Every structure is written in structure tokens, then in C-alpha cells.
Amino acid sequence: MADHRKFDTEEAVTDVKWKTRSTVTIVKDRWVDLRALECSTPSGRDISPYYVLSYPDWVHIVAITPDRMVVVTRQYRHAAGETLWELPCGMVDAADSDPVEAARRELGEETGYGATRFDLVSTLYPNPATHTNRIHTFLATDAHPIGPQRLDPGEEGLEVHLVPLRDLIELVQAGHFGQALHTSSILLALLKVGELRAV
């Protein structure tokens, strides 16, 4: 029977870390670092091969204009074979000094918008079982046009749209944002601006 304990964020956890005995790089380039690990659990059980993907950290931007419109995008995603509604987003480049600089850069490049203020909403792991990177979600307020889009080749056809803030939760609930990670960023940002209430 499972050991059920009272939830305690400060509780010390017994050492459950695995040991990595060996690592083999399968592929490594600018975009991804895929490794096969030979691991063992604290009790000595073998977990091999165990695949780990190392990506750069990512940023999501929930950008709100002074008239309470949210800057969103529509973009073709080849693995899904669909054009999806998304937040402005991207990876933290080596040249970025920190995630907020990456958020400013990505917002401008993808949408042609800037913002007066960027506040960190959350930092989460997209998939801590296999991915090492994190997603930094920023709330960008007083968003306003600053110039043309500067799109990468893979972003060809990316469209920029303005959605009323009051309608955003309905679009999420209706499944228009097909990317689960973007949905979590939207919901956390809506909590921060008071558009959602915690139970």
C-alpha cells in the first residue's frame, strides 16, 4: 500500500537520487543534446538505457496592451501537422544575459511588439522526467508595437493577433491553444493579473 503523507513543502525528502554510471551522446547540435545513460536507483536497480534531452531554457510571454488585449500568434508546427494558437515564445540563446532579455528579444522578433515591464510569473520544467531545461513565463505589460517582425526561417507564415484579455480563458477552455505548456503559462499569468481566482 502506498505511503500517504500530509503535504508539506518544507519536508526533507529521503535520498532518492539515481546514480549515473555512464553516458553516451547520441546527437548534439545547436538545438538538442540527446544522451543515453546507464543509471541505478538507490536500491541498486538498473535503469538502462535512460534517455535525457538537454535543451536551452525556453521563454513564454503573456503580453498585454494598455487596452487589455493579449498579443498571441498562430504558427504552423510540423510535428503536429497543424497551425496552432500560441504565446510569443522561444529559447534563451547563449547571447542572452538572462531569461528576461530572451523574453524581450523573442517578443520583438516574433510579433514586432515591445513592453514597458516584464515580470516573471513562473519557472517550471516542461518534462522533468526526460528534459533538463526550464520554461520561464513572463507577464509583459503596456505592450505596444515597436517595429516589424524579424522571423527565423522556421517561423515563416507566423501571424500576430490581438485577443481581448476577457476572452482568453474561453479560448483556452475551447482547446484553441493546443500546446499544453502555453496553456499553463496563460493560466498562471491570468492568476497573476486577477482574471482567475485560486480556489
N, C-alpha and C. Protein backbone atom coordinates (compact mmCIF):
# COMPACT_ATOMS: atom_id res chain seq x y z
N MET A 1 0.85 -1.19 0.00
CA MET A 1 0.00 0.00 0.00
C MET A 1 0.89 1.25 0.00
N ALA A 2 0.48 2.25 -0.79
CA ALA A 2 1.26 3.48 -0.89
C ALA A 2 1.31 4.21 0.43
N ASP A 3 2.45 4.88 0.67
CA ASP A 3 2.63 5.66 1.89
C ASP A 3 2.10 7.07 1.63
N HIS A 4 0.95 7.41 2.23
CA HIS A 4 0.35 8.73 2.02
C HIS A 4 0.71 9.63 3.20
N ARG A 5 1.33 10.76 2.86
CA ARG A 5 1.72 11.70 3.91
C ARG A 5 1.04 13.03 3.70
N LYS A 6 0.94 13.77 4.76
CA LYS A 6 0.40 15.12 4.68
C LYS A 6 1.35 15.98 3.84
N PHE A 7 0.77 16.80 2.97
CA PHE A 7 1.57 17.64 2.08
C PHE A 7 2.33 18.69 2.89
N ASP A 8 3.65 18.74 2.69
CA ASP A 8 4.49 19.69 3.42
C ASP A 8 5.61 20.12 2.49
N THR A 9 5.58 21.39 2.05
CA THR A 9 6.58 21.86 1.09
C THR A 9 7.97 21.93 1.69
N GLU A 10 8.07 21.96 3.02
CA GLU A 10 9.37 22.07 3.68
C GLU A 10 9.95 20.73 4.12
N GLU A 11 9.18 19.67 3.95
CA GLU A 11 9.61 18.36 4.44
C GLU A 11 10.87 17.88 3.73
N ALA A 12 11.82 17.40 4.49
CA ALA A 12 13.04 16.84 3.90
C ALA A 12 12.70 15.51 3.24
N VAL A 13 13.23 15.31 2.04
CA VAL A 13 12.95 14.09 1.28
C VAL A 13 14.14 13.15 1.42
N THR A 14 13.82 11.86 1.61
CA THR A 14 14.92 10.87 1.68
C THR A 14 15.66 10.87 0.35
N ASP A 15 16.91 10.49 0.40
CA ASP A 15 17.73 10.50 -0.81
C ASP A 15 17.20 9.45 -1.78
N VAL A 16 16.63 9.94 -2.88
CA VAL A 16 16.09 9.04 -3.89
C VAL A 16 16.80 9.23 -5.23
N LYS A 17 17.92 9.94 -5.22
CA LYS A 17 18.61 10.25 -6.47
C LYS A 17 19.23 8.99 -7.07
N TRP A 18 19.13 8.92 -8.40
CA TRP A 18 19.77 7.83 -9.12
C TRP A 18 21.25 8.14 -9.30
N LYS A 19 22.04 7.09 -9.48
CA LYS A 19 23.45 7.26 -9.85
C LYS A 19 23.58 7.03 -11.35
N THR A 20 24.34 7.91 -12.02
CA THR A 20 24.62 7.73 -13.44
C THR A 20 25.98 7.07 -13.57
N ARG A 21 25.98 5.86 -14.13
CA ARG A 21 27.23 5.10 -14.26
C ARG A 21 27.97 5.42 -15.55
N SER A 22 27.24 5.71 -16.61
CA SER A 22 27.89 6.07 -17.88
C SER A 22 26.93 6.88 -18.73
N THR A 23 27.48 7.65 -19.65
CA THR A 23 26.69 8.50 -20.55
C THR A 23 27.26 8.39 -21.95
N VAL A 24 26.37 8.21 -22.93
CA VAL A 24 26.77 8.19 -24.34
C VAL A 24 25.95 9.26 -25.06
N THR A 25 26.62 10.17 -25.77
CA THR A 25 25.91 11.20 -26.54
C THR A 25 25.43 10.59 -27.85
N ILE A 26 24.12 10.67 -28.10
CA ILE A 26 23.52 10.15 -29.34
C ILE A 26 23.57 11.20 -30.44
N VAL A 27 23.13 12.41 -30.11
CA VAL A 27 23.20 13.54 -31.06
C VAL A 27 23.34 14.82 -30.25
N LYS A 28 24.15 15.73 -30.78
CA LYS A 28 24.32 17.02 -30.12
C LYS A 28 24.53 18.08 -31.19
N ASP A 29 23.66 19.10 -31.18
CA ASP A 29 23.82 20.23 -32.09
C ASP A 29 23.31 21.47 -31.39
N ARG A 30 23.04 22.51 -32.17
CA ARG A 30 22.59 23.78 -31.58
C ARG A 30 21.25 23.62 -30.85
N TRP A 31 20.43 22.70 -31.30
CA TRP A 31 19.06 22.62 -30.83
C TRP A 31 18.85 21.61 -29.71
N VAL A 32 19.58 20.50 -29.74
CA VAL A 32 19.27 19.43 -28.80
C VAL A 32 20.54 18.65 -28.46
N ASP A 33 20.53 18.10 -27.26
CA ASP A 33 21.61 17.22 -26.79
C ASP A 33 20.91 15.98 -26.23
N LEU A 34 20.97 14.87 -26.99
CA LEU A 34 20.32 13.62 -26.59
C LEU A 34 21.37 12.64 -26.11
N ARG A 35 21.21 12.18 -24.85
CA ARG A 35 22.17 11.25 -24.26
C ARG A 35 21.47 9.99 -23.76
N ALA A 36 22.17 8.86 -23.86
CA ALA A 36 21.70 7.60 -23.29
C ALA A 36 22.52 7.33 -22.04
N LEU A 37 21.84 7.19 -20.90
CA LEU A 37 22.51 7.00 -19.62
C LEU A 37 22.30 5.57 -19.12
N GLU A 38 23.30 5.07 -18.42
CA GLU A 38 23.13 3.86 -17.62
C GLU A 38 23.01 4.32 -16.17
N CYS A 39 21.86 4.02 -15.55
CA CYS A 39 21.58 4.53 -14.22
C CYS A 39 21.25 3.38 -13.27
N SER A 40 21.38 3.68 -11.98
CA SER A 40 20.91 2.74 -10.96
C SER A 40 20.22 3.53 -9.85
N THR A 41 19.16 2.94 -9.30
CA THR A 41 18.39 3.56 -8.23
C THR A 41 19.12 3.35 -6.90
N PRO A 42 18.71 4.05 -5.83
CA PRO A 42 19.37 3.85 -4.52
C PRO A 42 19.36 2.40 -4.06
N SER A 43 18.35 1.63 -4.48
CA SER A 43 18.31 0.22 -4.06
C SER A 43 19.13 -0.68 -4.97
N GLY A 44 19.74 -0.07 -6.03
CA GLY A 44 20.61 -0.84 -6.91
C GLY A 44 19.96 -1.36 -8.18
N ARG A 45 18.70 -1.00 -8.43
CA ARG A 45 18.04 -1.46 -9.65
C ARG A 45 18.59 -0.73 -10.86
N ASP A 46 18.79 -1.48 -11.95
CA ASP A 46 19.36 -0.93 -13.19
C ASP A 46 18.26 -0.26 -14.02
N ILE A 47 18.53 0.98 -14.47
CA ILE A 47 17.62 1.70 -15.37
C ILE A 47 18.46 2.09 -16.59
N SER A 48 18.46 1.23 -17.60
CA SER A 48 19.31 1.48 -18.77
C SER A 48 18.65 0.90 -20.03
N PRO A 49 18.73 1.60 -21.18
CA PRO A 49 19.22 2.97 -21.26
C PRO A 49 18.14 3.94 -20.79
N TYR A 50 18.57 5.07 -20.26
CA TYR A 50 17.65 6.13 -19.86
C TYR A 50 18.02 7.36 -20.67
N TYR A 51 17.07 7.83 -21.49
CA TYR A 51 17.36 8.91 -22.43
C TYR A 51 17.05 10.27 -21.80
N VAL A 52 18.00 11.17 -21.93
CA VAL A 52 17.85 12.53 -21.40
C VAL A 52 18.06 13.52 -22.53
N LEU A 53 17.13 14.48 -22.65
CA LEU A 53 17.22 15.54 -23.64
C LEU A 53 17.59 16.85 -22.94
N SER A 54 18.67 17.48 -23.39
CA SER A 54 19.05 18.79 -22.86
C SER A 54 18.78 19.84 -23.93
N TYR A 55 17.87 20.72 -23.63
CA TYR A 55 17.56 21.86 -24.50
C TYR A 55 17.98 23.13 -23.78
N PRO A 56 18.15 24.24 -24.51
CA PRO A 56 18.25 25.53 -23.82
C PRO A 56 16.93 25.82 -23.10
N ASP A 57 16.96 26.67 -22.08
CA ASP A 57 15.72 27.11 -21.44
C ASP A 57 14.84 27.82 -22.46
N TRP A 58 13.54 27.81 -22.20
CA TRP A 58 12.56 28.47 -23.07
C TRP A 58 11.90 29.62 -22.32
N VAL A 59 11.34 30.56 -23.10
CA VAL A 59 10.55 31.65 -22.52
C VAL A 59 9.18 31.69 -23.18
N HIS A 60 8.16 32.00 -22.37
CA HIS A 60 6.81 32.29 -22.84
C HIS A 60 6.48 33.71 -22.40
N ILE A 61 5.79 34.45 -23.26
CA ILE A 61 5.45 35.83 -22.93
C ILE A 61 3.95 36.04 -23.06
N VAL A 62 3.32 36.43 -21.95
CA VAL A 62 1.92 36.84 -21.97
C VAL A 62 1.95 38.37 -21.98
N ALA A 63 1.78 38.94 -23.19
CA ALA A 63 1.93 40.39 -23.39
C ALA A 63 0.55 41.03 -23.48
N ILE A 64 0.32 42.02 -22.61
CA ILE A 64 -0.99 42.68 -22.53
C ILE A 64 -0.82 44.17 -22.87
N THR A 65 -1.66 44.65 -23.80
CA THR A 65 -1.62 46.05 -24.22
C THR A 65 -2.37 46.91 -23.20
N PRO A 66 -2.19 48.25 -23.27
CA PRO A 66 -2.90 49.13 -22.33
C PRO A 66 -4.43 48.98 -22.41
N ASP A 67 -4.97 48.60 -23.60
CA ASP A 67 -6.42 48.42 -23.70
C ASP A 67 -6.85 46.97 -23.48
N ARG A 68 -6.01 46.21 -22.74
CA ARG A 68 -6.32 44.86 -22.28
C ARG A 68 -6.54 43.86 -23.41
N MET A 69 -5.67 43.95 -24.41
CA MET A 69 -5.60 42.95 -25.46
C MET A 69 -4.34 42.12 -25.24
N VAL A 70 -4.39 40.84 -25.55
CA VAL A 70 -3.24 39.96 -25.39
C VAL A 70 -2.65 39.64 -26.76
N VAL A 71 -1.33 39.78 -26.87
CA VAL A 71 -0.64 39.52 -28.13
C VAL A 71 -0.39 38.01 -28.24
N VAL A 72 -1.02 37.38 -29.23
CA VAL A 72 -0.85 35.94 -29.45
C VAL A 72 -0.44 35.70 -30.90
N THR A 73 -0.04 34.47 -31.17
CA THR A 73 0.41 34.12 -32.52
C THR A 73 -0.33 32.88 -33.01
N ARG A 74 -0.31 32.70 -34.32
CA ARG A 74 -0.71 31.44 -34.95
C ARG A 74 0.48 30.98 -35.76
N GLN A 75 0.88 29.72 -35.56
CA GLN A 75 2.11 29.23 -36.17
C GLN A 75 1.96 27.75 -36.55
N TYR A 76 2.48 27.40 -37.72
CA TYR A 76 2.49 26.01 -38.15
C TYR A 76 3.52 25.23 -37.35
N ARG A 77 3.11 24.08 -36.83
CA ARG A 77 4.00 23.20 -36.08
C ARG A 77 4.08 21.86 -36.79
N HIS A 78 5.25 21.56 -37.34
CA HIS A 78 5.37 20.45 -38.28
C HIS A 78 5.14 19.08 -37.64
N ALA A 79 5.61 18.86 -36.42
CA ALA A 79 5.41 17.55 -35.80
C ALA A 79 3.92 17.25 -35.61
N ALA A 80 3.14 18.26 -35.26
CA ALA A 80 1.70 18.09 -35.12
C ALA A 80 0.98 18.17 -36.46
N GLY A 81 1.63 18.81 -37.45
CA GLY A 81 0.99 18.99 -38.75
C GLY A 81 -0.17 19.96 -38.71
N GLU A 82 -0.14 20.88 -37.73
CA GLU A 82 -1.25 21.82 -37.55
C GLU A 82 -0.73 23.23 -37.32
N THR A 83 -1.60 24.21 -37.61
CA THR A 83 -1.34 25.61 -37.24
C THR A 83 -2.05 25.87 -35.92
N LEU A 84 -1.29 26.28 -34.92
CA LEU A 84 -1.80 26.40 -33.55
C LEU A 84 -1.74 27.84 -33.04
N TRP A 85 -2.69 28.17 -32.17
CA TRP A 85 -2.63 29.41 -31.41
C TRP A 85 -1.58 29.24 -30.32
N GLU A 86 -0.74 30.24 -30.12
CA GLU A 86 0.33 30.16 -29.13
C GLU A 86 0.60 31.52 -28.53
N LEU A 87 1.43 31.50 -27.51
CA LEU A 87 2.03 32.72 -26.98
C LEU A 87 3.30 33.01 -27.75
N PRO A 88 3.75 34.26 -27.80
CA PRO A 88 5.12 34.52 -28.26
C PRO A 88 6.08 33.72 -27.37
N CYS A 89 7.05 33.08 -27.99
CA CYS A 89 7.90 32.18 -27.22
C CYS A 89 9.22 31.94 -27.96
N GLY A 90 10.13 31.27 -27.30
CA GLY A 90 11.39 30.92 -27.94
C GLY A 90 12.39 30.44 -26.91
N MET A 91 13.61 30.24 -27.37
CA MET A 91 14.61 29.72 -26.45
C MET A 91 15.55 30.83 -25.99
N VAL A 92 16.14 30.59 -24.83
CA VAL A 92 17.15 31.50 -24.31
C VAL A 92 18.44 31.21 -25.04
N ASP A 93 18.88 32.16 -25.87
CA ASP A 93 20.12 31.99 -26.64
C ASP A 93 21.34 32.19 -25.75
N ALA A 94 22.47 31.66 -26.20
CA ALA A 94 23.72 31.83 -25.46
C ALA A 94 24.06 33.31 -25.30
N ALA A 95 23.66 34.14 -26.28
CA ALA A 95 23.97 35.57 -26.23
C ALA A 95 23.07 36.35 -25.26
N ASP A 96 21.96 35.74 -24.82
CA ASP A 96 21.07 36.42 -23.87
C ASP A 96 21.69 36.41 -22.48
N SER A 97 21.66 37.56 -21.81
CA SER A 97 22.27 37.63 -20.48
C SER A 97 21.42 36.91 -19.43
N ASP A 98 20.11 36.84 -19.66
CA ASP A 98 19.21 36.17 -18.72
C ASP A 98 17.87 35.92 -19.43
N PRO A 99 16.95 35.18 -18.80
CA PRO A 99 15.68 34.88 -19.46
C PRO A 99 14.85 36.11 -19.81
N VAL A 100 14.88 37.17 -19.00
CA VAL A 100 14.07 38.35 -19.33
C VAL A 100 14.58 39.01 -20.60
N GLU A 101 15.89 38.99 -20.83
CA GLU A 101 16.41 39.53 -22.09
C GLU A 101 15.92 38.69 -23.27
N ALA A 102 15.89 37.37 -23.07
CA ALA A 102 15.37 36.49 -24.12
C ALA A 102 13.90 36.77 -24.39
N ALA A 103 13.12 37.03 -23.33
CA ALA A 103 11.70 37.33 -23.49
C ALA A 103 11.50 38.62 -24.28
N ARG A 104 12.27 39.65 -23.97
CA ARG A 104 12.18 40.92 -24.72
C ARG A 104 12.50 40.69 -26.19
N ARG A 105 13.59 39.95 -26.43
CA ARG A 105 14.04 39.70 -27.81
C ARG A 105 13.00 38.89 -28.58
N GLU A 106 12.50 37.81 -27.98
CA GLU A 106 11.55 36.95 -28.68
C GLU A 106 10.23 37.67 -28.97
N LEU A 107 9.76 38.47 -28.02
CA LEU A 107 8.52 39.22 -28.24
C LEU A 107 8.69 40.16 -29.44
N GLY A 108 9.82 40.88 -29.48
CA GLY A 108 10.06 41.79 -30.59
C GLY A 108 10.23 41.07 -31.91
N GLU A 109 11.01 39.99 -31.92
CA GLU A 109 11.28 39.27 -33.17
C GLU A 109 10.01 38.64 -33.74
N GLU A 110 9.23 37.99 -32.89
CA GLU A 110 8.06 37.25 -33.39
C GLU A 110 6.88 38.16 -33.72
N THR A 111 6.69 39.21 -32.93
CA THR A 111 5.45 39.98 -33.05
C THR A 111 5.64 41.43 -33.46
N GLY A 112 6.85 41.98 -33.33
CA GLY A 112 7.03 43.40 -33.57
C GLY A 112 6.55 44.25 -32.41
N TYR A 113 6.29 43.61 -31.24
CA TYR A 113 5.85 44.33 -30.05
C TYR A 113 6.96 44.37 -29.01
N GLY A 114 6.93 45.42 -28.21
CA GLY A 114 7.75 45.53 -27.01
C GLY A 114 6.82 45.73 -25.83
N ALA A 115 7.39 45.88 -24.64
CA ALA A 115 6.57 46.12 -23.45
C ALA A 115 7.38 46.95 -22.46
N THR A 116 6.67 47.74 -21.67
CA THR A 116 7.33 48.60 -20.68
C THR A 116 7.90 47.79 -19.52
N ARG A 117 7.18 46.70 -19.16
CA ARG A 117 7.58 45.94 -17.97
C ARG A 117 7.45 44.44 -18.22
N PHE A 118 8.42 43.70 -17.72
CA PHE A 118 8.41 42.24 -17.79
C PHE A 118 8.52 41.70 -16.36
N ASP A 119 7.51 40.96 -15.92
CA ASP A 119 7.53 40.35 -14.59
C ASP A 119 7.52 38.84 -14.73
N LEU A 120 8.41 38.16 -14.00
CA LEU A 120 8.45 36.71 -14.02
C LEU A 120 7.22 36.16 -13.31
N VAL A 121 6.48 35.29 -14.00
CA VAL A 121 5.29 34.65 -13.43
C VAL A 121 5.65 33.31 -12.82
N SER A 122 6.44 32.53 -13.54
CA SER A 122 6.80 31.20 -13.05
C SER A 122 8.01 30.66 -13.80
N THR A 123 8.68 29.71 -13.18
CA THR A 123 9.73 28.93 -13.82
C THR A 123 9.42 27.47 -13.55
N LEU A 124 9.16 26.72 -14.61
CA LEU A 124 8.72 25.33 -14.50
C LEU A 124 9.54 24.44 -15.42
N TYR A 125 9.58 23.15 -15.11
CA TYR A 125 10.17 22.17 -16.01
C TYR A 125 9.10 21.70 -17.00
N PRO A 126 9.40 21.67 -18.31
CA PRO A 126 8.40 21.16 -19.26
C PRO A 126 8.16 19.66 -19.12
N ASN A 127 9.22 18.91 -18.82
CA ASN A 127 9.10 17.46 -18.61
C ASN A 127 10.32 16.98 -17.84
N PRO A 128 10.26 17.04 -16.50
CA PRO A 128 11.45 16.74 -15.70
C PRO A 128 11.88 15.28 -15.73
N ALA A 129 11.04 14.41 -16.30
CA ALA A 129 11.45 13.01 -16.43
C ALA A 129 12.56 12.85 -17.46
N THR A 130 12.50 13.63 -18.55
CA THR A 130 13.47 13.44 -19.63
C THR A 130 14.15 14.72 -20.10
N HIS A 131 13.63 15.89 -19.73
CA HIS A 131 14.19 17.16 -20.20
C HIS A 131 14.90 17.87 -19.04
N THR A 132 16.03 18.50 -19.33
CA THR A 132 16.76 19.22 -18.29
C THR A 132 16.39 20.70 -18.22
N ASN A 133 15.73 21.22 -19.26
CA ASN A 133 15.52 22.67 -19.34
C ASN A 133 14.28 23.11 -18.57
N ARG A 134 14.13 24.45 -18.50
CA ARG A 134 13.00 25.06 -17.80
C ARG A 134 12.31 26.07 -18.71
N ILE A 135 11.07 26.37 -18.38
CA ILE A 135 10.29 27.41 -19.08
C ILE A 135 10.10 28.57 -18.13
N HIS A 136 10.47 29.76 -18.57
CA HIS A 136 10.29 30.98 -17.80
C HIS A 136 9.12 31.75 -18.43
N THR A 137 8.04 31.92 -17.68
CA THR A 137 6.87 32.65 -18.18
C THR A 137 6.90 34.08 -17.65
N PHE A 138 6.76 35.02 -18.58
CA PHE A 138 6.79 36.44 -18.22
C PHE A 138 5.46 37.10 -18.56
N LEU A 139 5.02 37.98 -17.66
CA LEU A 139 3.90 38.87 -17.93
C LEU A 139 4.49 40.20 -18.41
N ALA A 140 4.19 40.55 -19.66
CA ALA A 140 4.70 41.79 -20.25
C ALA A 140 3.55 42.78 -20.33
N THR A 141 3.67 43.89 -19.62
CA THR A 141 2.57 44.86 -19.57
C THR A 141 2.93 46.12 -20.34
N ASP A 142 1.85 46.85 -20.74
CA ASP A 142 1.98 48.02 -21.62
C ASP A 142 2.65 47.60 -22.93
N ALA A 143 2.19 46.50 -23.49
CA ALA A 143 2.73 46.02 -24.77
C ALA A 143 2.31 46.98 -25.89
N HIS A 144 3.24 47.25 -26.80
CA HIS A 144 2.98 48.22 -27.87
C HIS A 144 3.88 47.89 -29.07
N PRO A 145 3.43 48.25 -30.29
CA PRO A 145 4.25 47.98 -31.47
C PRO A 145 5.56 48.76 -31.42
N ILE A 146 6.66 48.09 -31.82
CA ILE A 146 7.97 48.76 -31.85
C ILE A 146 8.67 48.64 -33.20
N GLY A 147 8.11 47.83 -34.11
CA GLY A 147 8.75 47.66 -35.41
C GLY A 147 8.28 46.40 -36.10
N PRO A 148 8.91 46.05 -37.23
CA PRO A 148 8.48 44.86 -37.97
C PRO A 148 8.94 43.57 -37.28
N GLN A 149 8.27 42.48 -37.65
CA GLN A 149 8.70 41.16 -37.20
C GLN A 149 10.07 40.84 -37.80
N ARG A 150 10.84 40.02 -37.09
CA ARG A 150 12.13 39.52 -37.59
C ARG A 150 12.11 38.01 -37.38
N LEU A 151 11.52 37.30 -38.33
CA LEU A 151 11.24 35.88 -38.15
C LEU A 151 12.40 35.00 -38.62
N ASP A 152 12.60 33.89 -37.91
CA ASP A 152 13.53 32.85 -38.35
C ASP A 152 12.88 32.07 -39.49
N PRO A 153 13.69 31.35 -40.30
CA PRO A 153 13.12 30.58 -41.42
C PRO A 153 12.01 29.62 -41.00
N GLY A 154 12.16 28.97 -39.84
CA GLY A 154 11.14 28.03 -39.39
C GLY A 154 9.86 28.68 -38.91
N GLU A 155 9.84 30.03 -38.80
CA GLU A 155 8.66 30.76 -38.35
C GLU A 155 7.90 31.39 -39.51
N GLU A 156 8.27 31.02 -40.73
CA GLU A 156 7.61 31.59 -41.91
C GLU A 156 6.10 31.43 -41.80
N GLY A 157 5.37 32.51 -42.06
CA GLY A 157 3.91 32.47 -42.00
C GLY A 157 3.32 32.73 -40.63
N LEU A 158 4.16 32.96 -39.61
CA LEU A 158 3.65 33.23 -38.26
C LEU A 158 2.80 34.50 -38.28
N GLU A 159 1.57 34.39 -37.76
CA GLU A 159 0.65 35.51 -37.72
C GLU A 159 0.56 36.07 -36.30
N VAL A 160 0.36 37.37 -36.20
CA VAL A 160 0.19 38.03 -34.90
C VAL A 160 -1.26 38.47 -34.77
N HIS A 161 -1.87 38.18 -33.63
CA HIS A 161 -3.26 38.55 -33.38
C HIS A 161 -3.38 39.19 -32.00
N LEU A 162 -4.39 40.02 -31.84
CA LEU A 162 -4.72 40.60 -30.54
C LEU A 162 -6.05 40.02 -30.09
N VAL A 163 -6.06 39.44 -28.89
CA VAL A 163 -7.25 38.80 -28.34
C VAL A 163 -7.64 39.54 -27.06
N PRO A 164 -8.91 39.88 -26.90
CA PRO A 164 -9.32 40.53 -25.64
C PRO A 164 -8.98 39.66 -24.44
N LEU A 165 -8.40 40.26 -23.42
CA LEU A 165 -8.00 39.52 -22.22
C LEU A 165 -9.18 38.75 -21.64
N ARG A 166 -10.36 39.35 -21.66
CA ARG A 166 -11.54 38.69 -21.06
C ARG A 166 -11.94 37.43 -21.83
N ASP A 167 -11.52 37.30 -23.11
CA ASP A 167 -11.88 36.13 -23.93
C ASP A 167 -10.83 35.03 -23.88
N LEU A 168 -9.68 35.31 -23.29
CA LEU A 168 -8.56 34.37 -23.37
C LEU A 168 -8.88 33.04 -22.69
N ILE A 169 -9.51 33.08 -21.52
CA ILE A 169 -9.81 31.84 -20.80
C ILE A 169 -10.79 30.98 -21.59
N GLU A 170 -11.73 31.60 -22.30
CA GLU A 170 -12.68 30.84 -23.12
C GLU A 170 -11.96 30.14 -24.27
N LEU A 171 -11.00 30.82 -24.87
CA LEU A 171 -10.23 30.20 -25.96
C LEU A 171 -9.42 29.01 -25.45
N VAL A 172 -8.86 29.15 -24.25
CA VAL A 172 -8.10 28.05 -23.65
C VAL A 172 -9.04 26.88 -23.38
N GLN A 173 -10.19 27.15 -22.76
CA GLN A 173 -11.13 26.08 -22.42
C GLN A 173 -11.66 25.38 -23.67
N ALA A 174 -11.78 26.12 -24.76
CA ALA A 174 -12.29 25.55 -26.01
C ALA A 174 -11.22 24.76 -26.76
N GLY A 175 -9.99 24.75 -26.25
CA GLY A 175 -8.94 23.97 -26.87
C GLY A 175 -8.22 24.64 -28.01
N HIS A 176 -8.39 25.95 -28.16
CA HIS A 176 -7.74 26.65 -29.28
C HIS A 176 -6.22 26.74 -29.09
N PHE A 177 -5.75 26.73 -27.84
CA PHE A 177 -4.32 26.70 -27.58
C PHE A 177 -3.95 25.23 -27.38
N GLY A 178 -3.43 24.60 -28.44
CA GLY A 178 -3.18 23.16 -28.41
C GLY A 178 -1.91 22.75 -27.71
N GLN A 179 -1.11 23.70 -27.32
CA GLN A 179 0.17 23.42 -26.67
C GLN A 179 -0.02 23.49 -25.16
N ALA A 180 0.13 22.35 -24.49
CA ALA A 180 -0.15 22.27 -23.05
C ALA A 180 0.69 23.25 -22.24
N LEU A 181 1.95 23.43 -22.63
CA LEU A 181 2.83 24.33 -21.87
C LEU A 181 2.39 25.78 -21.99
N HIS A 182 1.87 26.16 -23.15
CA HIS A 182 1.36 27.53 -23.32
C HIS A 182 0.11 27.73 -22.47
N THR A 183 -0.73 26.69 -22.39
CA THR A 183 -1.94 26.78 -21.58
C THR A 183 -1.59 27.03 -20.12
N SER A 184 -0.59 26.31 -19.59
CA SER A 184 -0.21 26.52 -18.19
C SER A 184 0.32 27.94 -17.99
N SER A 185 1.09 28.45 -18.94
CA SER A 185 1.61 29.82 -18.82
C SER A 185 0.49 30.85 -18.82
N ILE A 186 -0.51 30.63 -19.69
CA ILE A 186 -1.65 31.55 -19.75
C ILE A 186 -2.41 31.55 -18.43
N LEU A 187 -2.69 30.37 -17.90
CA LEU A 187 -3.48 30.28 -16.67
C LEU A 187 -2.74 30.92 -15.49
N LEU A 188 -1.43 30.70 -15.40
CA LEU A 188 -0.65 31.30 -14.31
C LEU A 188 -0.60 32.82 -14.45
N ALA A 189 -0.49 33.32 -15.67
CA ALA A 189 -0.48 34.77 -15.88
C ALA A 189 -1.84 35.37 -15.56
N LEU A 190 -2.92 34.67 -15.94
CA LEU A 190 -4.26 35.17 -15.62
C LEU A 190 -4.49 35.23 -14.11
N LEU A 191 -3.94 34.27 -13.37
CA LEU A 191 -4.00 34.33 -11.91
C LEU A 191 -3.28 35.57 -11.40
N LYS A 192 -2.12 35.85 -11.99
CA LYS A 192 -1.32 36.99 -11.52
C LYS A 192 -2.03 38.32 -11.73
N VAL A 193 -2.76 38.45 -12.86
CA VAL A 193 -3.44 39.73 -13.13
C VAL A 193 -4.85 39.77 -12.57
N GLY A 194 -5.26 38.72 -11.85
CA GLY A 194 -6.57 38.73 -11.21
C GLY A 194 -7.74 38.33 -12.09
N GLU A 195 -7.46 37.74 -13.25
CA GLU A 195 -8.53 37.29 -14.13
C GLU A 195 -9.02 35.90 -13.77
N LEU A 196 -8.27 35.19 -12.94
CA LEU A 196 -8.68 33.89 -12.40
C LEU A 196 -8.54 33.96 -10.90
N ARG A 197 -9.34 33.16 -10.20
CA ARG A 197 -9.23 33.11 -8.75
C ARG A 197 -8.77 31.73 -8.33
N ALA A 198 -7.82 31.69 -7.40
CA ALA A 198 -7.42 30.40 -6.81
C ALA A 198 -8.54 29.92 -5.90
N VAL A 199 -8.79 28.63 -5.88
CA VAL A 199 -9.86 28.07 -5.05
C VAL A 199 -9.50 28.19 -3.59
